[in-house]
């Protein structure tokens, strides 16, 4: 498994700008907690569990090798 950035460059630029404006917290989450700091806890756990898919906001994607 590996983590890659979403290939949609326009989406990535939008999310990165929102992350910058939100002090690094996921722009898709209401609460600002350590669990919602990018990479969010939910996504880090998915990586540990070798799950495929993308993070909540779509910035990162877990790909199988």
Protein backbone atom coordinates (compact mmCIF):
# COMPACT_ATOMS: atom_id res chain seq x y z
CA UNK A 1 0.00 0.00 0.00
CA UNK A 2 1.12 3.53 -0.64
CA UNK A 3 -0.35 6.98 -0.16
CA UNK A 4 -0.46 9.33 -3.14
CA UNK A 5 -1.79 12.81 -3.67
CA UNK A 6 -5.02 13.05 -5.63
CA UNK A 7 -4.14 13.40 -9.34
CA UNK A 8 -6.76 16.17 -9.75
CA UNK A 9 -4.43 19.18 -9.48
CA UNK A 10 -7.29 21.69 -9.29
CA UNK A 11 -8.87 19.84 -6.35
CA UNK A 12 -5.49 19.53 -4.62
CA UNK A 13 -4.86 23.28 -4.98
CA UNK A 14 -8.30 24.09 -3.54
CA UNK A 15 -7.88 21.74 -0.58
CA UNK A 16 -4.34 22.97 0.16
CA UNK A 17 -5.59 26.57 0.18
CA UNK A 18 -8.40 25.62 2.57
CA UNK A 19 -5.93 23.75 4.80
CA UNK A 20 -3.74 26.85 4.90
CA UNK A 21 -6.70 29.05 5.84
CA UNK A 22 -7.80 26.49 8.47
CA UNK A 23 -4.39 26.15 10.18
CA UNK A 24 -3.91 22.62 8.78
CA UNK A 25 -7.22 21.21 9.95
CA UNK A 26 -9.38 19.24 7.54
CA UNK A 27 -11.64 21.72 5.73
CA UNK A 28 -14.41 19.10 5.70
CA UNK A 29 -14.65 18.90 9.50
CA UNK A 30 -16.39 21.28 11.85
CA UNK A 31 -14.29 20.61 14.95
CA UNK A 32 -10.62 21.51 15.15
CA UNK A 33 -9.00 18.76 17.19
CA UNK A 34 -5.77 16.76 16.85
CA UNK A 35 -7.90 14.07 15.19
CA UNK A 36 -8.91 16.43 12.37
CA UNK A 37 -5.44 17.81 11.65
CA UNK A 38 -4.33 16.76 8.14
CA UNK A 39 -3.64 13.79 7.74
CA UNK A 40 -6.63 13.13 9.94
CA UNK A 41 -6.77 10.29 12.43
CA UNK A 42 -9.41 8.46 10.40
CA UNK A 43 -7.10 8.36 7.37
CA UNK A 44 -4.01 7.40 9.39
CA UNK A 45 -5.97 4.47 10.82
CA UNK A 46 -7.08 3.42 7.34
CA UNK A 47 -3.41 3.36 6.30
CA UNK A 48 -2.50 1.18 9.30
CA UNK A 49 -5.35 -1.20 8.44
CA UNK A 50 -4.20 -1.43 4.80
CA UNK A 51 -7.52 -0.15 3.51
CA UNK A 52 -7.78 1.40 0.08
CA UNK A 53 -9.67 4.62 -0.61
CA UNK A 54 -9.20 8.31 -0.02
CA UNK A 55 -9.12 10.65 2.93
CA UNK A 56 -12.22 12.54 4.02
CA UNK A 57 -11.52 15.65 1.90
CA UNK A 58 -10.03 13.74 -1.06
CA UNK A 59 -6.49 15.13 -0.88
CA UNK A 60 -4.81 11.75 -0.38
CA UNK A 61 -5.52 8.31 -1.81
CA UNK A 62 -4.37 4.91 -0.51
CA UNK A 63 -3.37 2.68 -3.41
CA UNK A 64 -2.59 -1.01 -3.32
CA UNK A 65 0.81 -2.03 -4.67
